[in-house]
Amino acid sequence: MKKILLCLFGVLVITAAASAQSRSFSMIPKPKSAQNSTRTKMEETPEFKKALKVYERLREARGDFRYPVPDFFMTQQKGQVASINYGPPIEIFLEEAAYNVCASFGDKADAAMAFLLGHELAHYYEKHGWRSDFGTTYSHLGISKQLDTLYKELEASTEGKKIHKTLMRFDTLSHQYEDVAMEAQADYLGGFLAYSAGYGMFDDGDKLIGRLYEEYGMKQNSEGYVTRSEREGMSKTASERMKTLVDVFEMANMLTAIGRYDDANLFYRYVLMEYQGREMYNNVGVTYLLFALKEYFKEDELKFRFPIQLDLAMATHRGSDETKERNRLLEQAIQHFDAAISMDPNYSPAYLNKACAYALMDDNARAYFYADVEGRKAASKNKDTLAINNLEIL
């Protein structure tokens, strides 16, 4: 039994090496003609320029430049809707036929396109492609070779063939289940990315999938794929989850506006557990900073209003024992601003807020450095007039 269980694990690991280096949209069936065929890139067409604008807006909204951002192109080939190729080079493409399906949504055309492209970007940023390289990378290890030997022993005996057949079926189903989970997550987080990029709540993902099935002549039921109704249901479920996340995010904004910084912090942190973006790290840091200002500073300590909010609520007199707690909150704020900066070194609001935090800790040398040097450089590069003015105020 131990050998069987070990072999089961081996099958799951070794066959992972055979996973494709690309991931197509939506777990929808693809015609054989689409497999491993060369894609001709469409360049400088009005359709490409419009799709590229949507893609660049999504990329900017994500704001994570720690990794190479995939290149984008369109193709007239029809077979995969949209896909990410993990390269090299790393590329995301959209087919012209899929573009036309998105265009059929009228005033929601850009939102539909953002849904498709956000889905592929979610695959990339959530590292769904790691499995493609795992088996190959570690196939030289002794344990991998022993597993391969056990695998061959199973094939050599009559009893082993039965076990082998069962394991292969289990392996296929487990991979399909894993793919379903990753597709659902890509729908969910890709939809939130589209929302954060300003495309609103696109809750017609199921209708988009239905139209893609019709445009591409896909079967309602295909072996190795979820059914059309199941795929549409996945999109509906992801949309409901996304609405909840959006509600939490907007509630955090409202709580911040009315000065409920500790509650807002909890809401922002909930979103951060689901979706890691530079703005979210920055917002968590801001609420730590504002809560420290409100609860742990004396009135006579705050001679100025810091440009992290429009109306700074002054705290009543506090005991000296709370200085340690307020500094802890300020340090946590700085850590989150640093996380935002690590994602995008040119994100000027994080430098501004980091400088404010250091100023509140009486570390004026570092406050001045991050305001006058690092913050000003980032704000000038982005032509962020608001940040430039706030940095000057600080």
Protein backbone atom coordinates (compact mmCIF):
# COMPACT_ATOMS: atom_id res chain seq x y z
CA MET A 1 0.00 0.00 0.00
CA LYS A 2 2.86 2.38 0.79
CA LYS A 3 4.33 1.72 -2.65
CA ILE A 4 0.97 2.43 -4.27
CA LEU A 5 0.58 5.71 -2.39
CA LEU A 6 4.13 6.69 -3.21
CA CYS A 7 3.56 5.88 -6.85
CA LEU A 8 0.38 7.92 -6.80
CA PHE A 9 2.36 10.92 -5.62
CA GLY A 10 5.00 10.20 -8.25
CA VAL A 11 2.46 10.14 -11.04
CA LEU A 12 1.11 13.50 -9.93
CA VAL A 13 4.60 15.04 -9.84
CA ILE A 14 6.12 13.45 -12.93
CA THR A 15 3.16 14.00 -15.22
CA ALA A 16 3.11 17.63 -14.11
CA ALA A 17 6.23 18.04 -16.22
CA ALA A 18 4.16 17.34 -19.28
CA SER A 19 1.77 20.23 -18.58
CA ALA A 20 1.60 22.77 -21.38
CA GLN A 21 3.68 25.93 -21.15
CA SER A 22 0.60 27.97 -22.02
CA ARG A 23 -2.75 28.35 -20.32
CA SER A 24 -5.85 29.12 -22.37
CA PHE A 25 -8.85 31.03 -21.16
CA SER A 26 -11.72 29.52 -19.28
CA MET A 27 -11.16 25.77 -19.53
CA ILE A 28 -13.10 25.75 -22.77
CA PRO A 29 -12.44 23.00 -25.34
CA LYS A 30 -10.10 23.87 -28.20
CA PRO A 31 -10.02 22.35 -31.71
CA LYS A 32 -7.01 20.21 -32.55
CA SER A 33 -6.01 22.74 -35.20
CA ALA A 34 -5.25 25.22 -32.42
CA GLN A 35 -2.65 23.03 -30.73
CA ASN A 36 0.99 24.08 -31.22
CA SER A 37 0.20 26.18 -34.29
CA THR A 38 2.11 29.34 -35.10
CA ARG A 39 0.29 32.57 -34.25
CA THR A 40 0.61 35.52 -36.64
CA LYS A 41 0.64 38.77 -34.71
CA MET A 42 -1.67 41.62 -35.67
CA GLU A 43 0.15 44.93 -35.42
CA GLU A 44 -0.96 48.56 -35.63
CA THR A 45 -4.59 47.73 -36.34
CA PRO A 46 -7.36 49.78 -34.64
CA GLU A 47 -8.48 46.61 -32.83
CA PHE A 48 -4.99 45.93 -31.51
CA LYS A 49 -4.53 49.51 -30.31
CA LYS A 50 -7.85 49.45 -28.46
CA ALA A 51 -7.11 46.08 -26.84
CA LEU A 52 -3.59 47.22 -25.93
CA LYS A 53 -5.01 50.28 -24.19
CA VAL A 54 -7.23 48.03 -22.05
CA TYR A 55 -4.31 45.72 -21.29
CA GLU A 56 -1.98 48.57 -20.29
CA ARG A 57 -4.66 50.00 -18.01
CA LEU A 58 -4.99 46.62 -16.28
CA ARG A 59 -1.24 46.31 -15.96
CA GLU A 60 -0.96 49.77 -14.43
CA ALA A 61 -3.85 49.08 -12.02
CA ARG A 62 -2.12 45.95 -10.78
CA GLY A 63 1.03 48.02 -10.21
CA ASP A 64 3.30 45.03 -9.63
CA PHE A 65 6.56 45.57 -11.44
CA ARG A 66 8.66 43.11 -9.43
CA TYR A 67 8.38 40.65 -12.31
CA PRO A 68 8.58 41.11 -16.08
CA VAL A 69 5.19 42.21 -17.34
CA PRO A 70 4.00 39.90 -20.15
CA ASP A 71 3.97 41.38 -23.65
CA PHE A 72 0.59 41.66 -25.34
CA PHE A 73 -0.45 40.93 -28.91
CA MET A 74 -3.48 39.99 -30.98
CA THR A 75 -3.82 37.27 -33.57
CA GLN A 76 -6.27 36.33 -36.31
CA GLN A 77 -5.87 32.65 -35.47
CA LYS A 78 -9.06 31.20 -34.04
CA GLY A 79 -8.92 28.45 -31.45
CA GLN A 80 -7.84 29.54 -27.96
CA VAL A 81 -9.78 32.79 -27.27
CA ALA A 82 -7.05 34.26 -25.03
CA SER A 83 -3.98 32.68 -23.50
CA ILE A 84 -0.76 33.23 -21.62
CA ASN A 85 2.48 31.72 -22.84
CA TYR A 86 5.00 31.42 -20.03
CA GLY A 87 7.79 31.69 -22.56
CA PRO A 88 10.32 32.83 -22.89
CA PRO A 89 9.23 35.41 -23.85
CA ILE A 90 6.20 35.69 -21.56
CA GLU A 91 3.23 36.74 -23.70
CA ILE A 92 -0.51 37.22 -23.38
CA PHE A 93 -2.57 37.22 -26.54
CA LEU A 94 -6.17 37.81 -27.53
CA GLU A 95 -7.73 36.41 -30.68
CA GLU A 96 -9.56 38.72 -33.09
CA ALA A 97 -12.65 36.50 -32.91
CA ALA A 98 -12.73 36.90 -29.11
CA TYR A 99 -12.24 40.67 -29.51
CA ASN A 100 -15.31 40.76 -31.76
CA VAL A 101 -17.35 38.82 -29.18
CA CYS A 102 -16.37 41.42 -26.57
CA ALA A 103 -17.36 44.20 -28.99
CA SER A 104 -20.86 42.69 -29.16
CA PHE A 105 -21.41 43.89 -25.56
CA GLY A 106 -21.71 47.49 -26.78
CA ASP A 107 -20.93 50.00 -24.04
CA LYS A 108 -19.57 47.12 -21.95
CA ALA A 109 -17.14 46.03 -24.69
CA ASP A 110 -14.03 47.31 -22.90
CA ALA A 111 -15.21 45.76 -19.61
CA ALA A 112 -15.69 42.41 -21.36
CA MET A 113 -12.19 42.65 -22.81
CA ALA A 114 -10.83 43.61 -19.39
CA PHE A 115 -12.51 40.49 -17.98
CA LEU A 116 -10.70 38.25 -20.49
CA LEU A 117 -7.31 39.94 -20.16
CA GLY A 118 -7.61 40.34 -16.39
CA HIS A 119 -8.24 36.60 -16.22
CA GLU A 120 -4.91 35.90 -17.98
CA LEU A 121 -3.02 38.43 -15.84
CA ALA A 122 -4.45 36.77 -12.73
CA HIS A 123 -3.00 33.45 -13.92
CA TYR A 124 0.39 35.14 -14.20
CA TYR A 125 0.43 37.06 -10.92
CA GLU A 126 -0.98 34.11 -8.96
CA LYS A 127 1.82 31.95 -10.45
CA HIS A 128 -0.51 29.33 -11.89
CA GLY A 129 2.20 28.38 -14.35
CA TRP A 130 4.61 27.09 -11.70
CA ARG A 131 3.43 23.50 -12.20
CA SER A 132 4.59 23.56 -15.82
CA ASP A 133 8.22 23.69 -14.74
CA PHE A 134 8.12 21.76 -11.48
CA GLY A 135 8.43 18.20 -12.73
CA THR A 136 11.12 19.02 -15.28
CA THR A 137 13.17 21.05 -12.82
CA TYR A 138 13.36 18.25 -10.24
CA SER A 139 13.30 15.18 -12.50
CA HIS A 140 17.04 14.62 -11.90
CA LEU A 141 16.57 13.93 -8.17
CA GLY A 142 16.91 10.38 -6.86
CA ILE A 143 13.36 10.32 -5.56
CA SER A 144 12.05 11.16 -9.05
CA LYS A 145 14.04 8.31 -10.59
CA GLN A 146 12.80 5.85 -7.94
CA LEU A 147 9.23 6.92 -8.60
CA ASP A 148 9.74 6.41 -12.32
CA THR A 149 11.03 2.88 -11.63
CA LEU A 150 7.98 2.06 -9.50
CA TYR A 151 5.76 3.45 -12.22
CA LYS A 152 7.32 1.05 -14.79
CA GLU A 153 7.00 -1.90 -12.39
CA LEU A 154 3.29 -1.27 -12.15
CA GLU A 155 2.96 -1.35 -15.93
CA ALA A 156 4.83 -4.68 -16.11
CA SER A 157 2.37 -6.81 -14.12
CA THR A 158 -1.28 -7.69 -14.71
CA GLU A 159 -2.33 -6.47 -11.27
CA GLY A 160 -0.12 -3.43 -11.68
CA LYS A 161 -1.82 -2.51 -14.95
CA LYS A 162 -5.17 -2.29 -13.16
CA ILE A 163 -3.64 -0.11 -10.48
CA HIS A 164 -1.89 1.94 -13.15
CA LYS A 165 -5.16 2.53 -14.99
CA THR A 166 -6.86 3.66 -11.77
CA LEU A 167 -3.98 5.97 -10.89
CA MET A 168 -3.96 7.52 -14.35
CA ARG A 169 -7.68 8.20 -14.08
CA PHE A 170 -7.17 9.70 -10.63
CA ASP A 171 -4.31 11.78 -11.97
CA THR A 172 -6.41 13.11 -14.86
CA LEU A 173 -9.31 14.04 -12.60
CA SER A 174 -7.04 15.65 -9.99
CA HIS A 175 -5.39 17.82 -12.65
CA GLN A 176 -8.80 18.79 -14.01
CA TYR A 177 -9.97 19.71 -10.52
CA GLU A 178 -6.83 21.79 -9.96
CA ASP A 179 -7.39 23.55 -13.29
CA VAL A 180 -11.00 24.32 -12.33
CA ALA A 181 -9.82 25.87 -9.06
CA MET A 182 -7.25 28.03 -10.85
CA GLU A 183 -9.75 29.12 -13.50
CA ALA A 184 -12.26 30.11 -10.80
CA GLN A 185 -9.58 32.12 -8.99
CA ALA A 186 -8.55 33.80 -12.25
CA ASP A 187 -12.19 34.79 -12.91
CA TYR A 188 -12.50 36.16 -9.37
CA LEU A 189 -9.25 38.07 -9.08
CA GLY A 190 -9.19 39.05 -12.74
CA GLY A 191 -12.64 40.57 -12.29
CA PHE A 192 -11.47 42.53 -9.26
CA LEU A 193 -8.44 43.74 -11.22
CA ALA A 194 -10.78 44.98 -13.98
CA TYR A 195 -12.87 46.74 -11.32
CA SER A 196 -9.79 48.38 -9.79
CA ALA A 197 -8.75 49.57 -13.27
CA GLY A 198 -12.04 51.46 -13.57
CA TYR A 199 -14.07 49.10 -15.75
CA GLY A 200 -16.77 48.67 -13.13
CA MET A 201 -18.54 45.52 -12.02
CA PHE A 202 -18.66 43.31 -15.10
CA ASP A 203 -21.13 40.65 -14.01
CA ASP A 204 -21.85 39.28 -17.48
CA GLY A 205 -18.97 36.82 -17.48
CA ASP A 206 -21.36 33.90 -17.90
CA LYS A 207 -22.97 35.57 -20.93
CA LEU A 208 -19.53 36.27 -22.40
CA ILE A 209 -18.58 32.62 -22.02
CA GLY A 210 -21.87 31.58 -23.65
CA ARG A 211 -21.22 33.80 -26.66
CA LEU A 212 -17.66 32.47 -26.95
CA TYR A 213 -18.99 28.92 -27.04
CA GLU A 214 -21.30 29.90 -29.88
CA GLU A 215 -18.69 31.88 -31.81
CA TYR A 216 -16.12 29.11 -31.58
CA GLY A 217 -18.60 26.30 -32.27
CA MET A 218 -17.71 24.49 -29.06
CA LYS A 219 -19.61 21.46 -27.85
CA GLN A 220 -21.79 21.75 -24.77
CA ASN A 221 -19.98 18.74 -23.29
CA SER A 222 -16.39 17.77 -24.14
CA GLU A 223 -14.26 15.10 -22.48
CA GLY A 224 -11.63 16.58 -20.21
CA TYR A 225 -13.49 19.86 -19.73
CA VAL A 226 -16.26 21.12 -17.51
CA THR A 227 -19.58 21.49 -19.33
CA ARG A 228 -20.70 24.82 -20.71
CA SER A 229 -23.34 25.24 -17.99
CA GLU A 230 -20.75 24.39 -15.32
CA ARG A 231 -18.29 26.93 -16.77
CA GLU A 232 -20.98 29.60 -16.84
CA GLY A 233 -21.87 28.70 -13.26
CA MET A 234 -18.21 29.08 -12.25
CA SER A 235 -18.23 32.60 -13.65
CA LYS A 236 -21.44 33.48 -11.79
CA THR A 237 -19.97 32.24 -8.51
CA ALA A 238 -16.75 34.18 -9.10
CA SER A 239 -18.82 37.30 -9.84
CA GLU A 240 -20.68 36.99 -6.53
CA ARG A 241 -17.40 36.58 -4.65
CA MET A 242 -15.99 39.60 -6.45
CA LYS A 243 -19.01 41.70 -5.46
CA THR A 244 -18.39 40.80 -1.83
CA LEU A 245 -14.73 41.81 -2.13
CA VAL A 246 -15.71 45.09 -3.78
CA ASP A 247 -18.21 45.75 -0.95
CA VAL A 248 -15.48 45.16 1.64
CA PHE A 249 -13.09 47.46 -0.24
CA GLU A 250 -15.65 50.26 -0.54
CA MET A 251 -16.64 49.88 3.12
CA ALA A 252 -12.95 50.29 4.03
CA ASN A 253 -12.88 53.55 2.05
CA MET A 254 -16.00 54.82 3.84
CA LEU A 255 -14.70 53.86 7.26
CA THR A 256 -11.49 55.76 6.52
CA ALA A 257 -13.48 58.82 5.44
CA ILE A 258 -15.39 58.96 8.75
CA GLY A 259 -12.30 58.37 10.89
CA ARG A 260 -12.93 54.71 11.83
CA TYR A 261 -9.32 53.87 11.02
CA ASP A 262 -8.99 50.71 13.12
CA ASP A 263 -12.10 49.19 11.50
CA ALA A 264 -10.98 50.35 8.06
CA ASN A 265 -7.63 48.66 8.66
CA LEU A 266 -9.36 45.31 9.23
CA PHE A 267 -11.38 45.67 6.04
CA TYR A 268 -8.35 46.63 3.94
CA ARG A 269 -6.37 43.72 5.38
CA TYR A 270 -9.17 41.34 4.44
CA VAL A 271 -8.94 42.54 0.84
CA LEU A 272 -5.15 42.29 0.99
CA MET A 273 -5.37 38.60 1.90
CA GLU A 274 -7.29 38.03 -1.34
CA TYR A 275 -5.71 40.57 -3.66
CA GLN A 276 -2.16 41.94 -3.34
CA GLY A 277 -1.82 45.31 -5.03
CA ARG A 278 0.33 48.35 -4.30
CA GLU A 279 -2.71 50.51 -3.48
CA MET A 280 -3.95 47.93 -1.00
CA TYR A 281 -0.60 47.80 0.81
CA ASN A 282 -0.58 51.59 0.83
CA ASN A 283 -4.13 51.80 2.22
CA VAL A 284 -3.33 49.37 5.03
CA GLY A 285 -0.30 51.50 5.87
CA VAL A 286 -2.36 54.70 5.80
CA THR A 287 -4.92 53.33 8.26
CA TYR A 288 -2.17 52.25 10.66
CA LEU A 289 -0.72 55.73 10.42
CA LEU A 290 -4.02 57.55 10.86
CA PHE A 291 -5.08 55.35 13.76
CA ALA A 292 -1.77 56.10 15.50
CA LEU A 293 -2.34 59.82 14.95
CA LYS A 294 -5.88 59.67 16.30
CA GLU A 295 -5.28 57.50 19.36
CA TYR A 296 -1.67 57.90 20.47
CA PHE A 297 -0.58 61.50 19.91
CA LYS A 298 -1.14 64.45 22.23
CA GLU A 299 -2.64 67.63 20.80
CA ASP A 300 0.47 69.68 21.57
CA GLU A 301 2.63 67.15 19.67
CA LEU A 302 0.85 67.85 16.40
CA LYS A 303 1.64 71.38 15.31
CA PHE A 304 0.92 70.65 11.66
CA ARG A 305 -1.60 68.82 9.54
CA PHE A 306 0.08 66.10 7.57
CA PRO A 307 -0.99 65.71 3.92
CA ILE A 308 -2.22 62.15 4.29
CA GLN A 309 -5.84 63.23 4.70
CA LEU A 310 -7.95 66.31 4.20
CA ASP A 311 -9.08 66.72 7.80
CA LEU A 312 -6.87 65.29 10.51
CA ALA A 313 -8.79 64.41 13.68
CA MET A 314 -6.78 65.51 16.70
CA ALA A 315 -6.54 63.11 19.62
CA THR A 316 -7.14 64.04 23.23
CA HIS A 317 -4.31 64.01 25.77
CA ARG A 318 -2.72 60.57 26.02
CA GLY A 319 -0.40 59.07 28.59
CA SER A 320 3.31 58.63 27.85
CA ASP A 321 2.98 54.85 28.18
CA GLU A 322 1.25 54.76 24.80
CA THR A 323 4.21 56.14 22.87
CA LYS A 324 5.48 52.62 22.27
CA GLU A 325 2.13 51.51 20.84
CA ARG A 326 1.86 54.46 18.47
CA ASN A 327 5.40 53.84 17.19
CA ARG A 328 4.52 50.20 16.62
CA LEU A 329 1.59 51.28 14.46
CA LEU A 330 3.75 53.76 12.55
CA GLU A 331 6.38 51.08 11.93
CA GLN A 332 3.68 48.74 10.60
CA ALA A 333 2.51 51.54 8.34
CA ILE A 334 6.04 51.97 6.99
CA GLN A 335 6.32 48.22 6.31
CA HIS A 336 3.20 48.35 4.16
CA PHE A 337 4.38 51.47 2.32
CA ASP A 338 7.63 49.59 1.64
CA ALA A 339 5.62 46.67 0.25
CA ALA A 340 3.81 49.06 -2.10
CA ILE A 341 7.15 50.56 -3.20
CA SER A 342 8.64 47.09 -3.77
CA MET A 343 5.82 46.42 -6.25
CA ASP A 344 6.27 49.75 -8.02
CA PRO A 345 9.42 51.82 -7.24
CA ASN A 346 7.77 54.87 -8.83
CA TYR A 347 4.57 54.80 -6.74
CA SER A 348 4.76 58.33 -5.27
CA PRO A 349 1.87 58.16 -2.72
CA ALA A 350 3.74 55.50 -0.75
CA TYR A 351 6.86 57.71 -0.51
CA LEU A 352 4.72 60.62 0.69
CA ASN A 353 3.00 58.54 3.35
CA LYS A 354 6.27 56.93 4.42
CA ALA A 355 7.79 60.37 4.87
CA CYS A 356 4.78 61.43 6.96
CA ALA A 357 5.20 58.37 9.18
CA TYR A 358 8.88 59.14 9.79
CA ALA A 359 8.02 62.77 10.57
CA LEU A 360 5.49 61.60 13.16
CA MET A 361 8.22 59.44 14.70
CA ASP A 362 10.44 62.57 14.95
CA ASP A 363 12.85 61.01 12.45
CA ASN A 364 13.09 64.20 10.42
CA ALA A 365 16.23 63.21 8.51
CA ARG A 366 14.58 60.20 6.91
CA ALA A 367 11.28 62.04 6.54
CA TYR A 368 13.04 64.79 4.60
CA PHE A 369 14.92 62.26 2.46
CA TYR A 370 11.82 60.32 1.41
CA ALA A 371 9.87 63.52 0.79
CA ASP A 372 12.47 65.70 -0.92
CA VAL A 373 14.56 63.04 -2.70
CA GLU A 374 12.78 59.70 -3.25
CA GLY A 375 9.21 61.00 -3.26
CA ARG A 376 9.95 64.02 -5.44
CA LYS A 377 11.84 61.86 -7.95
CA ALA A 378 8.97 59.37 -8.25
CA ALA A 379 6.29 62.08 -8.44
CA SER A 380 8.21 64.01 -11.10
CA LYS A 381 8.69 60.87 -13.17
CA ASN A 382 4.94 60.16 -13.06
CA LYS A 383 4.02 63.86 -13.38
CA ASP A 384 1.91 63.38 -10.25
CA THR A 385 1.03 67.00 -9.49
CA LEU A 386 -1.00 66.16 -6.39
CA ALA A 387 1.88 64.22 -4.84
CA ILE A 388 4.38 66.95 -5.76
CA ASN A 389 2.23 69.55 -3.98
CA ASN A 390 1.72 67.35 -0.91
CA LEU A 391 5.43 66.61 -0.71
CA GLU A 392 6.12 70.35 -0.82
CA ILE A 393 3.60 70.88 2.01
CA LEU A 394 5.28 68.20 4.11
